[in-house]
Amino acid sequence: MDTVTTHDGGAAAPVVDARYCAPHAAAFKLTDAPWNSFIVTDADGAEAMMRAEKAVLSWFRRHLLLDVSTAPRRPVLTVQRSPTVFEIYRRWEVFRGDSTCRADLLFVAVAQPSIFGIGDVHVRLAGHGGRDPDFVLRSGGFFSSEYTVTRDGAALAQIQRTGGLLDLLFNWLQYRVSINAGVDQAFVVALTVILAEIRHDDHSNDDEVCR
C-alpha cells in the first residue's frame, strides 16, 4: 500500500494523534475477548499495544481505548454507540480521550444498510459539512470477512475478520489489520472496534430470531 496523501499530494493529517502515524507499514491483531473487551497486539499476538474496555455502568454501549504501551495506561479514544431513530442506520461517535463532550468529538461512523451481512461504514470527521464521507470502510462484498479503509478511493488499511466455526458460534473473533505508512493507527483500531460491535449487533439479532 502507498503512503496516504491528500488531494494536493501532501501527507495526510492524523485523525487522532501524530504519535500513532508510523513512517512504515504496520500490522496488528485485535482479539474480541469474551469478557467485553478488545485486546490489540502486534501481528504475532505477542506484544500488547492497546486495549478497548467496555463500560459496565453506562446507558450507552461504550468502549474506552487505552494505550497500554505507556505507564500509566493512557486513554486515547472513547467509542460510543449512539441511539438512532431508524435502527438500520447504526451510528457510533468517537471522542478524544475518556471524554464524551461534544467539543471532544473526533468523528462519526454510520453503518449503511445492507441485506447481505454488514454494508459499508461511512465516516465523517467532526465539523464535516459535505454530503460525501471523509472515509469509507468498504465491505468486500457478499458475506465478505474483509474490509478496506479508503479515502477518496485510495486504500489506507485492510481489516480481515478471522476465526473458526466455534469462534463464529460464540462470537469470539479476531481481526487482522494491515495499515499503510503514515496512517493513524489509533483511528483504524477504533474502526475495527466499531466493526466488531456491528458484528455483535448482528449476532444478537440472529439469536433473537432463533428464539
N, C-alpha and C. Protein backbone atom coordinates (compact mmCIF):
# COMPACT_ATOMS: atom_id res chain seq x y z
N MET A 1 0.83 -1.19 0.00
CA MET A 1 0.00 0.00 0.00
C MET A 1 0.87 1.25 0.00
N ASP A 2 0.33 2.36 -0.51
CA ASP A 2 1.09 3.59 -0.60
C ASP A 2 0.86 4.44 0.65
N THR A 3 1.78 5.37 0.86
CA THR A 3 1.61 6.34 1.93
C THR A 3 0.39 7.21 1.65
N VAL A 4 -0.37 7.53 2.67
CA VAL A 4 -1.59 8.31 2.49
C VAL A 4 -1.24 9.74 2.13
N THR A 5 -1.90 10.27 1.12
CA THR A 5 -1.70 11.65 0.73
C THR A 5 -3.04 12.34 0.56
N THR A 6 -3.01 13.66 0.58
CA THR A 6 -4.20 14.45 0.36
C THR A 6 -4.30 14.78 -1.12
N HIS A 7 -5.34 15.55 -1.49
CA HIS A 7 -5.54 15.90 -2.90
C HIS A 7 -4.34 16.64 -3.48
N ASP A 8 -3.67 17.47 -2.67
CA ASP A 8 -2.55 18.25 -3.19
C ASP A 8 -1.22 17.52 -3.10
N GLY A 9 -1.27 16.22 -2.72
CA GLY A 9 -0.07 15.40 -2.70
C GLY A 9 0.70 15.46 -1.40
N GLY A 10 0.23 16.23 -0.41
CA GLY A 10 0.92 16.31 0.86
C GLY A 10 0.54 15.15 1.77
N ALA A 11 1.22 15.06 2.90
CA ALA A 11 0.93 13.99 3.85
C ALA A 11 -0.42 14.24 4.51
N ALA A 12 -1.18 13.19 4.72
CA ALA A 12 -2.49 13.31 5.35
C ALA A 12 -2.34 13.64 6.82
N ALA A 13 -3.22 14.48 7.33
CA ALA A 13 -3.20 14.84 8.75
C ALA A 13 -3.73 13.68 9.58
N PRO A 14 -3.19 13.45 10.76
CA PRO A 14 -3.71 12.38 11.61
C PRO A 14 -5.10 12.71 12.11
N VAL A 15 -5.91 11.68 12.31
CA VAL A 15 -7.26 11.88 12.84
C VAL A 15 -7.22 11.99 14.36
N VAL A 16 -6.39 11.14 14.99
CA VAL A 16 -6.32 11.10 16.46
C VAL A 16 -5.08 11.83 16.97
N ASP A 17 -3.89 11.36 16.57
CA ASP A 17 -2.64 11.96 17.06
C ASP A 17 -1.50 11.51 16.16
N ALA A 18 -0.58 12.42 15.92
CA ALA A 18 0.57 12.12 15.05
C ALA A 18 1.44 11.00 15.61
N ARG A 19 1.40 10.78 16.94
CA ARG A 19 2.24 9.73 17.53
C ARG A 19 1.83 8.34 17.05
N TYR A 20 0.60 8.21 16.53
CA TYR A 20 0.12 6.91 16.05
C TYR A 20 0.29 6.74 14.54
N CYS A 21 0.99 7.67 13.90
CA CYS A 21 1.25 7.59 12.47
C CYS A 21 2.69 7.13 12.25
N ALA A 22 2.90 5.85 12.05
CA ALA A 22 4.25 5.31 11.87
C ALA A 22 4.75 5.61 10.45
N PRO A 23 6.06 5.82 10.28
CA PRO A 23 6.61 6.09 8.95
C PRO A 23 6.71 4.85 8.07
N HIS A 24 6.29 3.72 8.59
CA HIS A 24 6.35 2.46 7.85
C HIS A 24 5.00 1.74 7.96
N ALA A 25 4.77 0.79 7.07
CA ALA A 25 3.55 -0.02 7.13
C ALA A 25 3.55 -0.84 8.42
N ALA A 26 2.38 -1.12 8.94
CA ALA A 26 2.27 -1.85 10.20
C ALA A 26 1.13 -2.86 10.13
N ALA A 27 1.18 -3.82 11.03
CA ALA A 27 0.12 -4.82 11.11
C ALA A 27 -0.13 -5.14 12.58
N PHE A 28 -1.38 -5.38 12.93
CA PHE A 28 -1.70 -5.78 14.29
C PHE A 28 -2.91 -6.70 14.29
N LYS A 29 -3.19 -7.25 15.44
CA LYS A 29 -4.31 -8.18 15.60
C LYS A 29 -5.18 -7.70 16.75
N LEU A 30 -6.48 -7.64 16.52
CA LEU A 30 -7.45 -7.28 17.55
C LEU A 30 -8.26 -8.51 17.90
N THR A 31 -8.22 -8.88 19.17
CA THR A 31 -8.95 -10.06 19.65
C THR A 31 -10.19 -9.64 20.41
N ASP A 32 -11.32 -10.16 19.98
CA ASP A 32 -12.61 -9.88 20.62
C ASP A 32 -12.73 -10.83 21.80
N ALA A 33 -12.36 -10.35 22.98
CA ALA A 33 -12.33 -11.19 24.17
C ALA A 33 -13.73 -11.41 24.74
N PRO A 34 -13.98 -12.59 25.34
CA PRO A 34 -15.32 -12.89 25.86
C PRO A 34 -15.68 -12.12 27.12
N TRP A 35 -14.75 -11.33 27.69
CA TRP A 35 -15.07 -10.56 28.89
C TRP A 35 -15.30 -9.08 28.56
N ASN A 36 -15.89 -8.84 27.39
CA ASN A 36 -16.33 -7.50 26.99
C ASN A 36 -15.19 -6.50 26.81
N SER A 37 -14.11 -6.96 26.23
CA SER A 37 -13.01 -6.06 25.92
C SER A 37 -12.34 -6.53 24.63
N PHE A 38 -11.56 -5.65 24.03
CA PHE A 38 -10.79 -5.97 22.84
C PHE A 38 -9.32 -5.73 23.15
N ILE A 39 -8.48 -6.71 22.80
CA ILE A 39 -7.05 -6.61 23.06
C ILE A 39 -6.35 -6.45 21.72
N VAL A 40 -5.51 -5.43 21.61
CA VAL A 40 -4.76 -5.15 20.38
C VAL A 40 -3.31 -5.50 20.62
N THR A 41 -2.78 -6.41 19.79
CA THR A 41 -1.40 -6.84 19.90
C THR A 41 -0.71 -6.67 18.55
N ASP A 42 0.59 -6.96 18.51
CA ASP A 42 1.27 -6.98 17.23
C ASP A 42 0.76 -8.15 16.41
N ALA A 43 1.21 -8.27 15.18
CA ALA A 43 0.66 -9.27 14.26
C ALA A 43 0.84 -10.70 14.77
N ASP A 44 1.86 -10.93 15.59
CA ASP A 44 2.12 -12.26 16.14
C ASP A 44 1.37 -12.52 17.44
N GLY A 45 0.67 -11.51 17.93
CA GLY A 45 -0.09 -11.67 19.17
C GLY A 45 0.79 -11.65 20.41
N ALA A 46 2.02 -11.14 20.28
CA ALA A 46 2.96 -11.22 21.39
C ALA A 46 2.94 -9.99 22.29
N GLU A 47 2.99 -8.82 21.71
CA GLU A 47 3.13 -7.59 22.49
C GLU A 47 1.84 -6.78 22.48
N ALA A 48 1.30 -6.52 23.66
CA ALA A 48 0.08 -5.74 23.76
C ALA A 48 0.36 -4.27 23.45
N MET A 49 -0.49 -3.68 22.61
CA MET A 49 -0.32 -2.29 22.21
C MET A 49 -1.43 -1.41 22.79
N MET A 50 -2.68 -1.87 22.60
CA MET A 50 -3.84 -1.13 23.08
C MET A 50 -4.87 -2.11 23.62
N ARG A 51 -5.83 -1.55 24.33
CA ARG A 51 -6.92 -2.35 24.86
C ARG A 51 -8.18 -1.49 24.87
N ALA A 52 -9.29 -2.05 24.42
CA ALA A 52 -10.57 -1.35 24.44
C ALA A 52 -11.45 -2.01 25.49
N GLU A 53 -11.75 -1.29 26.56
CA GLU A 53 -12.52 -1.84 27.67
C GLU A 53 -13.94 -1.31 27.63
N LYS A 54 -14.90 -2.20 27.81
CA LYS A 54 -16.30 -1.84 27.76
C LYS A 54 -16.75 -1.26 29.09
N ALA A 55 -17.46 -0.14 29.01
CA ALA A 55 -18.01 0.47 30.22
C ALA A 55 -19.13 -0.40 30.77
N VAL A 56 -19.07 -0.70 32.06
CA VAL A 56 -20.08 -1.58 32.66
C VAL A 56 -21.33 -0.80 33.03
N LEU A 57 -21.17 0.31 33.71
CA LEU A 57 -22.30 1.13 34.15
C LEU A 57 -22.45 2.31 33.21
N SER A 58 -23.13 2.10 32.10
CA SER A 58 -23.32 3.16 31.11
C SER A 58 -24.63 2.95 30.40
N TRP A 59 -25.36 4.07 30.16
CA TRP A 59 -26.62 3.99 29.43
C TRP A 59 -26.38 3.59 27.98
N PHE A 60 -25.23 4.02 27.44
CA PHE A 60 -24.88 3.70 26.07
C PHE A 60 -23.80 2.61 26.05
N ARG A 61 -23.73 1.89 24.94
CA ARG A 61 -22.63 0.95 24.74
C ARG A 61 -21.38 1.77 24.46
N ARG A 62 -20.37 1.61 25.30
CA ARG A 62 -19.21 2.48 25.24
C ARG A 62 -17.94 1.67 25.50
N HIS A 63 -16.91 1.95 24.72
CA HIS A 63 -15.59 1.35 24.93
C HIS A 63 -14.56 2.47 25.08
N LEU A 64 -13.66 2.29 26.03
CA LEU A 64 -12.55 3.21 26.22
C LEU A 64 -11.29 2.56 25.66
N LEU A 65 -10.70 3.20 24.65
CA LEU A 65 -9.49 2.69 24.04
C LEU A 65 -8.29 3.22 24.81
N LEU A 66 -7.48 2.29 25.33
CA LEU A 66 -6.34 2.64 26.17
C LEU A 66 -5.03 2.29 25.47
N ASP A 67 -4.06 3.15 25.61
CA ASP A 67 -2.70 2.87 25.14
C ASP A 67 -1.99 2.17 26.29
N VAL A 68 -1.75 0.86 26.17
CA VAL A 68 -1.14 0.09 27.26
C VAL A 68 0.37 -0.01 27.09
N SER A 69 0.92 0.65 26.07
CA SER A 69 2.37 0.64 25.87
C SER A 69 3.05 1.67 26.75
N THR A 70 2.26 2.50 27.44
CA THR A 70 2.80 3.51 28.34
C THR A 70 2.37 3.19 29.77
N ALA A 71 3.10 3.73 30.73
CA ALA A 71 2.74 3.57 32.13
C ALA A 71 2.64 4.95 32.77
N PRO A 72 1.50 5.32 33.35
CA PRO A 72 0.26 4.52 33.40
C PRO A 72 -0.43 4.46 32.04
N ARG A 73 -1.42 3.57 31.97
CA ARG A 73 -2.17 3.44 30.72
C ARG A 73 -2.85 4.75 30.37
N ARG A 74 -2.80 5.09 29.08
CA ARG A 74 -3.27 6.40 28.65
C ARG A 74 -4.57 6.26 27.86
N PRO A 75 -5.66 6.95 28.28
CA PRO A 75 -6.90 6.91 27.49
C PRO A 75 -6.71 7.64 26.17
N VAL A 76 -7.05 6.97 25.07
CA VAL A 76 -6.85 7.53 23.74
C VAL A 76 -8.17 7.99 23.14
N LEU A 77 -9.16 7.10 23.14
CA LEU A 77 -10.44 7.39 22.50
C LEU A 77 -11.58 6.76 23.28
N THR A 78 -12.76 7.34 23.15
CA THR A 78 -13.99 6.74 23.63
C THR A 78 -14.88 6.47 22.43
N VAL A 79 -15.25 5.19 22.25
CA VAL A 79 -16.12 4.78 21.14
C VAL A 79 -17.50 4.49 21.72
N GLN A 80 -18.50 5.24 21.27
CA GLN A 80 -19.83 5.14 21.88
C GLN A 80 -20.91 4.92 20.83
N ARG A 81 -21.75 3.94 21.09
CA ARG A 81 -22.92 3.69 20.24
C ARG A 81 -23.96 4.75 20.51
N SER A 82 -24.48 5.37 19.46
CA SER A 82 -25.46 6.45 19.60
C SER A 82 -26.85 5.92 19.29
N PRO A 83 -27.86 6.33 20.06
CA PRO A 83 -29.22 5.94 19.73
C PRO A 83 -29.67 6.59 18.43
N THR A 84 -30.38 5.85 17.61
CA THR A 84 -30.88 6.37 16.34
C THR A 84 -32.36 6.06 16.21
N VAL A 85 -33.06 6.93 15.49
CA VAL A 85 -34.49 6.73 15.28
C VAL A 85 -34.72 5.51 14.40
N PHE A 86 -33.93 5.41 13.33
CA PHE A 86 -34.04 4.28 12.42
C PHE A 86 -32.85 3.36 12.65
N GLU A 87 -33.11 2.18 13.20
CA GLU A 87 -32.06 1.27 13.61
C GLU A 87 -31.23 0.76 12.42
N ILE A 88 -31.75 0.86 11.21
CA ILE A 88 -30.99 0.38 10.05
C ILE A 88 -29.75 1.25 9.83
N TYR A 89 -29.76 2.49 10.33
CA TYR A 89 -28.58 3.35 10.25
C TYR A 89 -27.92 3.39 11.63
N ARG A 90 -27.09 2.39 11.90
CA ARG A 90 -26.43 2.32 13.20
C ARG A 90 -25.27 3.31 13.23
N ARG A 91 -25.17 4.02 14.34
CA ARG A 91 -24.26 5.17 14.40
C ARG A 91 -23.36 5.07 15.64
N TRP A 92 -22.07 5.40 15.45
CA TRP A 92 -21.11 5.46 16.54
C TRP A 92 -20.44 6.82 16.55
N GLU A 93 -20.20 7.33 17.74
CA GLU A 93 -19.46 8.58 17.90
C GLU A 93 -18.15 8.27 18.62
N VAL A 94 -17.07 8.91 18.17
CA VAL A 94 -15.75 8.66 18.75
C VAL A 94 -15.19 9.98 19.25
N PHE A 95 -14.81 9.99 20.55
CA PHE A 95 -14.35 11.20 21.22
C PHE A 95 -12.89 11.06 21.64
N ARG A 96 -12.25 12.19 21.81
CA ARG A 96 -10.86 12.21 22.26
C ARG A 96 -10.77 11.82 23.74
N GLY A 97 -9.77 10.99 24.07
CA GLY A 97 -9.54 10.60 25.46
C GLY A 97 -10.72 9.86 26.06
N ASP A 98 -11.00 10.13 27.33
CA ASP A 98 -12.13 9.48 28.00
C ASP A 98 -13.36 10.37 28.07
N SER A 99 -13.39 11.37 27.19
CA SER A 99 -14.49 12.35 27.18
C SER A 99 -15.64 11.88 26.30
N THR A 100 -16.83 12.39 26.61
CA THR A 100 -17.98 12.24 25.71
C THR A 100 -18.62 13.62 25.48
N CYS A 101 -17.84 14.69 25.67
CA CYS A 101 -18.31 16.05 25.43
C CYS A 101 -18.29 16.35 23.94
N ARG A 102 -19.25 17.12 23.48
CA ARG A 102 -19.34 17.42 22.06
C ARG A 102 -18.08 18.13 21.55
N ALA A 103 -17.44 18.90 22.41
CA ALA A 103 -16.23 19.62 21.99
C ALA A 103 -15.09 18.67 21.69
N ASP A 104 -15.14 17.44 22.21
CA ASP A 104 -14.07 16.46 22.01
C ASP A 104 -14.43 15.42 20.96
N LEU A 105 -15.54 15.61 20.25
CA LEU A 105 -15.93 14.67 19.20
C LEU A 105 -14.92 14.73 18.06
N LEU A 106 -14.41 13.55 17.65
CA LEU A 106 -13.45 13.46 16.55
C LEU A 106 -14.10 13.05 15.24
N PHE A 107 -14.93 12.01 15.30
CA PHE A 107 -15.61 11.58 14.08
C PHE A 107 -16.83 10.75 14.41
N VAL A 108 -17.68 10.59 13.40
CA VAL A 108 -18.91 9.79 13.50
C VAL A 108 -18.88 8.73 12.42
N ALA A 109 -19.23 7.51 12.78
CA ALA A 109 -19.29 6.39 11.83
C ALA A 109 -20.71 5.86 11.76
N VAL A 110 -21.23 5.70 10.55
CA VAL A 110 -22.60 5.24 10.35
C VAL A 110 -22.59 4.02 9.43
N ALA A 111 -23.12 2.91 9.93
CA ALA A 111 -23.21 1.69 9.14
C ALA A 111 -24.35 1.82 8.14
N GLN A 112 -24.05 1.60 6.87
CA GLN A 112 -25.06 1.69 5.83
C GLN A 112 -25.86 0.38 5.76
N PRO A 113 -27.17 0.46 5.50
CA PRO A 113 -27.99 -0.75 5.49
C PRO A 113 -27.61 -1.68 4.34
N SER A 114 -27.68 -2.98 4.61
CA SER A 114 -27.39 -3.98 3.60
C SER A 114 -28.18 -5.24 3.94
N ILE A 115 -28.74 -5.88 2.92
CA ILE A 115 -29.49 -7.12 3.15
C ILE A 115 -28.55 -8.32 3.22
N PHE A 116 -27.28 -8.12 2.85
CA PHE A 116 -26.31 -9.21 2.87
C PHE A 116 -25.18 -8.85 3.82
N GLY A 117 -25.32 -9.26 5.08
CA GLY A 117 -24.26 -9.02 6.04
C GLY A 117 -24.12 -7.54 6.35
N ILE A 118 -22.88 -7.14 6.70
CA ILE A 118 -22.59 -5.76 7.05
C ILE A 118 -22.27 -4.97 5.80
N GLY A 119 -22.90 -3.83 5.62
CA GLY A 119 -22.61 -2.99 4.47
C GLY A 119 -21.43 -2.07 4.74
N ASP A 120 -21.25 -1.08 3.89
CA ASP A 120 -20.17 -0.11 4.08
C ASP A 120 -20.44 0.73 5.34
N VAL A 121 -19.38 1.31 5.88
CA VAL A 121 -19.49 2.22 7.02
C VAL A 121 -18.93 3.57 6.58
N HIS A 122 -19.74 4.62 6.67
CA HIS A 122 -19.32 5.97 6.28
C HIS A 122 -18.82 6.73 7.51
N VAL A 123 -17.67 7.36 7.36
CA VAL A 123 -17.03 8.07 8.46
C VAL A 123 -16.92 9.55 8.11
N ARG A 124 -17.43 10.39 9.00
CA ARG A 124 -17.34 11.84 8.82
C ARG A 124 -16.62 12.46 10.00
N LEU A 125 -15.62 13.28 9.71
CA LEU A 125 -14.90 13.96 10.77
C LEU A 125 -15.78 15.04 11.39
N ALA A 126 -15.51 15.36 12.64
CA ALA A 126 -16.27 16.41 13.33
C ALA A 126 -16.16 17.72 12.56
N GLY A 127 -17.29 18.37 12.38
CA GLY A 127 -17.32 19.62 11.64
C GLY A 127 -17.47 19.45 10.14
N HIS A 128 -17.59 18.21 9.70
CA HIS A 128 -17.75 17.94 8.26
C HIS A 128 -19.10 18.49 7.79
N GLY A 129 -19.07 19.21 6.68
CA GLY A 129 -20.31 19.81 6.19
C GLY A 129 -20.74 19.31 4.83
N GLY A 130 -19.94 18.46 4.19
CA GLY A 130 -20.28 17.99 2.86
C GLY A 130 -21.17 16.76 2.88
N ARG A 131 -21.65 16.38 1.70
CA ARG A 131 -22.52 15.20 1.59
C ARG A 131 -21.72 13.91 1.62
N ASP A 132 -20.53 13.92 1.02
CA ASP A 132 -19.73 12.70 0.93
C ASP A 132 -18.94 12.48 2.21
N PRO A 133 -18.77 11.21 2.63
CA PRO A 133 -18.00 10.94 3.84
C PRO A 133 -16.51 11.21 3.62
N ASP A 134 -15.80 11.47 4.72
CA ASP A 134 -14.35 11.68 4.64
C ASP A 134 -13.63 10.36 4.40
N PHE A 135 -14.13 9.29 5.01
CA PHE A 135 -13.55 7.96 4.86
C PHE A 135 -14.70 6.98 4.64
N VAL A 136 -14.40 5.86 4.00
CA VAL A 136 -15.37 4.77 3.84
C VAL A 136 -14.71 3.47 4.25
N LEU A 137 -15.36 2.75 5.13
CA LEU A 137 -14.94 1.40 5.48
C LEU A 137 -15.72 0.48 4.56
N ARG A 138 -15.06 0.05 3.49
CA ARG A 138 -15.76 -0.59 2.38
C ARG A 138 -15.76 -2.11 2.52
N SER A 139 -16.96 -2.69 2.42
CA SER A 139 -17.13 -4.13 2.51
C SER A 139 -16.57 -4.81 1.26
N GLY A 140 -16.04 -6.03 1.46
CA GLY A 140 -15.51 -6.78 0.34
C GLY A 140 -16.57 -7.42 -0.52
N GLY A 141 -17.84 -7.36 -0.08
CA GLY A 141 -18.91 -7.92 -0.91
C GLY A 141 -19.76 -8.91 -0.14
N PHE A 142 -20.42 -9.76 -0.88
CA PHE A 142 -21.41 -10.71 -0.35
C PHE A 142 -20.83 -11.57 0.77
N PHE A 143 -21.28 -11.34 2.01
CA PHE A 143 -20.84 -12.07 3.20
C PHE A 143 -19.32 -12.09 3.32
N SER A 144 -18.68 -11.03 2.90
CA SER A 144 -17.22 -10.97 2.96
C SER A 144 -16.75 -10.72 4.39
N SER A 145 -15.57 -11.24 4.72
CA SER A 145 -14.96 -11.00 6.02
C SER A 145 -13.85 -9.95 5.93
N GLU A 146 -13.72 -9.31 4.77
CA GLU A 146 -12.67 -8.33 4.56
C GLU A 146 -13.25 -6.94 4.33
N TYR A 147 -12.56 -5.94 4.90
CA TYR A 147 -12.93 -4.54 4.73
C TYR A 147 -11.70 -3.73 4.40
N THR A 148 -11.92 -2.66 3.65
CA THR A 148 -10.84 -1.76 3.29
C THR A 148 -11.21 -0.34 3.72
N VAL A 149 -10.31 0.30 4.46
CA VAL A 149 -10.49 1.70 4.83
C VAL A 149 -10.00 2.55 3.68
N THR A 150 -10.86 3.40 3.14
CA THR A 150 -10.49 4.20 1.97
C THR A 150 -10.74 5.68 2.22
N ARG A 151 -10.00 6.49 1.48
CA ARG A 151 -10.26 7.93 1.43
C ARG A 151 -10.06 8.38 0.00
N ASP A 152 -11.11 8.98 -0.56
CA ASP A 152 -11.08 9.41 -1.96
C ASP A 152 -10.71 8.26 -2.89
N GLY A 153 -11.15 7.05 -2.54
CA GLY A 153 -10.90 5.88 -3.37
C GLY A 153 -9.58 5.19 -3.13
N ALA A 154 -8.68 5.80 -2.36
CA ALA A 154 -7.36 5.21 -2.09
C ALA A 154 -7.43 4.34 -0.84
N ALA A 155 -6.82 3.15 -0.90
CA ALA A 155 -6.82 2.23 0.24
C ALA A 155 -5.81 2.68 1.28
N LEU A 156 -6.26 2.76 2.53
CA LEU A 156 -5.40 3.16 3.65
C LEU A 156 -5.05 2.00 4.56
N ALA A 157 -6.00 1.08 4.72
CA ALA A 157 -5.81 -0.06 5.61
C ALA A 157 -6.78 -1.16 5.22
N GLN A 158 -6.44 -2.38 5.60
CA GLN A 158 -7.31 -3.53 5.36
C GLN A 158 -7.58 -4.25 6.67
N ILE A 159 -8.83 -4.66 6.86
CA ILE A 159 -9.26 -5.36 8.08
C ILE A 159 -9.89 -6.68 7.66
N GLN A 160 -9.40 -7.77 8.23
CA GLN A 160 -9.94 -9.10 7.90
C GLN A 160 -10.38 -9.81 9.17
N ARG A 161 -11.63 -10.23 9.19
CA ARG A 161 -12.15 -10.99 10.32
C ARG A 161 -11.74 -12.45 10.17
N THR A 162 -11.21 -13.03 11.23
CA THR A 162 -10.79 -14.42 11.19
C THR A 162 -11.42 -15.18 12.35
N GLY A 163 -11.44 -16.50 12.26
CA GLY A 163 -11.98 -17.32 13.33
C GLY A 163 -12.59 -18.59 12.78
N GLY A 164 -12.56 -19.64 13.59
CA GLY A 164 -13.14 -20.91 13.20
C GLY A 164 -14.63 -20.96 13.47
N LEU A 165 -15.22 -22.13 13.25
CA LEU A 165 -16.66 -22.31 13.43
C LEU A 165 -17.07 -22.06 14.87
N LEU A 166 -16.27 -22.53 15.84
CA LEU A 166 -16.60 -22.31 17.25
C LEU A 166 -16.52 -20.84 17.61
N ASP A 167 -15.52 -20.14 17.04
CA ASP A 167 -15.39 -18.71 17.30
C ASP A 167 -16.59 -17.95 16.75
N LEU A 168 -17.04 -18.32 15.55
CA LEU A 168 -18.21 -17.68 14.97
C LEU A 168 -19.46 -17.93 15.80
N LEU A 169 -19.58 -19.15 16.33
CA LEU A 169 -20.75 -19.52 17.11
C LEU A 169 -20.86 -18.68 18.37
N PHE A 170 -19.74 -18.48 19.07
CA PHE A 170 -19.74 -17.73 20.32
C PHE A 170 -19.32 -16.27 20.13
N ASN A 171 -19.08 -15.89 18.87
CA ASN A 171 -18.73 -14.51 18.55
C ASN A 171 -17.41 -14.08 19.18
N TRP A 172 -16.47 -15.05 19.27
CA TRP A 172 -15.12 -14.75 19.76
C TRP A 172 -14.21 -14.71 18.53
N LEU A 173 -14.01 -13.54 18.00
CA LEU A 173 -13.32 -13.42 16.72
C LEU A 173 -12.05 -12.61 16.86
N GLN A 174 -11.21 -12.73 15.83
CA GLN A 174 -10.02 -11.91 15.73
C GLN A 174 -10.06 -11.13 14.43
N TYR A 175 -9.41 -9.99 14.45
CA TYR A 175 -9.35 -9.13 13.27
C TYR A 175 -7.88 -8.83 12.99
N ARG A 176 -7.45 -9.18 11.79
CA ARG A 176 -6.08 -8.89 11.37
C ARG A 176 -6.10 -7.62 10.52
N VAL A 177 -5.25 -6.69 10.89
CA VAL A 177 -5.28 -5.36 10.29
C VAL A 177 -3.92 -5.01 9.70
N SER A 178 -3.91 -4.56 8.45
CA SER A 178 -2.70 -4.07 7.79
C SER A 178 -2.90 -2.59 7.47
N ILE A 179 -1.91 -1.77 7.83
CA ILE A 179 -2.05 -0.32 7.74
C ILE A 179 -0.91 0.27 6.92
N ASN A 180 -1.24 1.19 6.04
CA ASN A 180 -0.23 1.91 5.26
C ASN A 180 0.69 2.74 6.15
N ALA A 181 1.85 3.05 5.62
CA ALA A 181 2.74 4.02 6.27
C ALA A 181 2.03 5.37 6.33
N GLY A 182 2.17 6.04 7.48
CA GLY A 182 1.61 7.37 7.63
C GLY A 182 0.16 7.42 8.05
N VAL A 183 -0.51 6.27 8.15
CA VAL A 183 -1.93 6.25 8.52
C VAL A 183 -2.06 6.18 10.04
N ASP A 184 -3.02 6.90 10.57
CA ASP A 184 -3.26 6.96 12.01
C ASP A 184 -3.76 5.60 12.50
N GLN A 185 -2.91 4.90 13.26
CA GLN A 185 -3.24 3.55 13.69
C GLN A 185 -4.35 3.53 14.74
N ALA A 186 -4.40 4.51 15.62
CA ALA A 186 -5.47 4.58 16.63
C ALA A 186 -6.83 4.75 15.95
N PHE A 187 -6.87 5.52 14.88
CA PHE A 187 -8.09 5.71 14.10
C PHE A 187 -8.57 4.37 13.52
N VAL A 188 -7.64 3.59 12.97
CA VAL A 188 -8.01 2.30 12.38
C VAL A 188 -8.42 1.30 13.45
N VAL A 189 -7.78 1.36 14.63
CA VAL A 189 -8.20 0.49 15.74
C VAL A 189 -9.64 0.80 16.13
N ALA A 190 -9.99 2.09 16.21
CA ALA A 190 -11.36 2.47 16.56
C ALA A 190 -12.35 1.95 15.53
N LEU A 191 -12.00 2.02 14.24
CA LEU A 191 -12.88 1.49 13.20
C LEU A 191 -13.04 -0.01 13.33
N THR A 192 -11.98 -0.70 13.72
CA THR A 192 -12.06 -2.16 13.91
C THR A 192 -12.97 -2.51 15.07
N VAL A 193 -12.90 -1.74 16.16
CA VAL A 193 -13.80 -1.95 17.30
C VAL A 193 -15.25 -1.75 16.86
N ILE A 194 -15.49 -0.73 16.03
CA ILE A 194 -16.85 -0.49 15.53
C ILE A 194 -17.33 -1.65 14.68
N LEU A 195 -16.47 -2.17 13.82
CA LEU A 195 -16.82 -3.34 13.01
C LEU A 195 -17.20 -4.53 13.91
N ALA A 196 -16.40 -4.74 14.96
CA ALA A 196 -16.68 -5.84 15.88
C ALA A 196 -18.01 -5.64 16.59
N GLU A 197 -18.32 -4.39 16.94
CA GLU A 197 -19.58 -4.09 17.60
C GLU A 197 -20.78 -4.31 16.65
N ILE A 198 -20.59 -3.98 15.39
CA ILE A 198 -21.64 -4.26 14.40
C ILE A 198 -21.89 -5.76 14.32
N ARG A 199 -20.80 -6.52 14.34
CA ARG A 199 -20.91 -7.99 14.32
C ARG A 199 -21.66 -8.48 15.56
N HIS A 200 -21.39 -7.88 16.72
CA HIS A 200 -22.12 -8.25 17.94
C HIS A 200 -23.61 -7.96 17.79
N ASP A 201 -23.94 -6.82 17.20
CA ASP A 201 -25.34 -6.47 16.94
C ASP A 201 -26.03 -7.55 16.12
N ASP A 202 -25.39 -7.91 15.00
CA ASP A 202 -25.98 -8.88 14.08
C ASP A 202 -26.09 -10.25 14.74
N HIS A 203 -25.09 -10.62 15.54
CA HIS A 203 -25.12 -11.91 16.22
C HIS A 203 -26.27 -11.95 17.23
N SER A 204 -26.48 -10.84 17.95
CA SER A 204 -27.58 -10.76 18.92
C SER A 204 -28.94 -10.82 18.23
N ASN A 205 -29.05 -10.15 17.06
CA ASN A 205 -30.29 -10.18 16.29
C ASN A 205 -30.61 -11.58 15.79
N ASP A 206 -29.56 -12.30 15.36
CA ASP A 206 -29.75 -13.68 14.91
C ASP A 206 -30.25 -14.56 16.05
N ASP A 207 -29.71 -14.32 17.27
CA ASP A 207 -30.16 -15.10 18.43
C ASP A 207 -31.63 -14.83 18.72
N GLU A 208 -32.05 -13.55 18.58
CA GLU A 208 -33.45 -13.21 18.85
C GLU A 208 -34.38 -13.88 17.85
N VAL A 209 -33.96 -13.94 16.57
CA VAL A 209 -34.77 -14.57 15.55
C VAL A 209 -34.96 -16.06 15.81
N CYS A 210 -33.91 -16.69 16.37
CA CYS A 210 -33.93 -18.15 16.59
C CYS A 210 -34.75 -18.53 17.81
N ARG A 211 -35.11 -17.56 18.64
CA ARG A 211 -35.88 -17.89 19.85
C ARG A 211 -37.34 -18.11 19.53
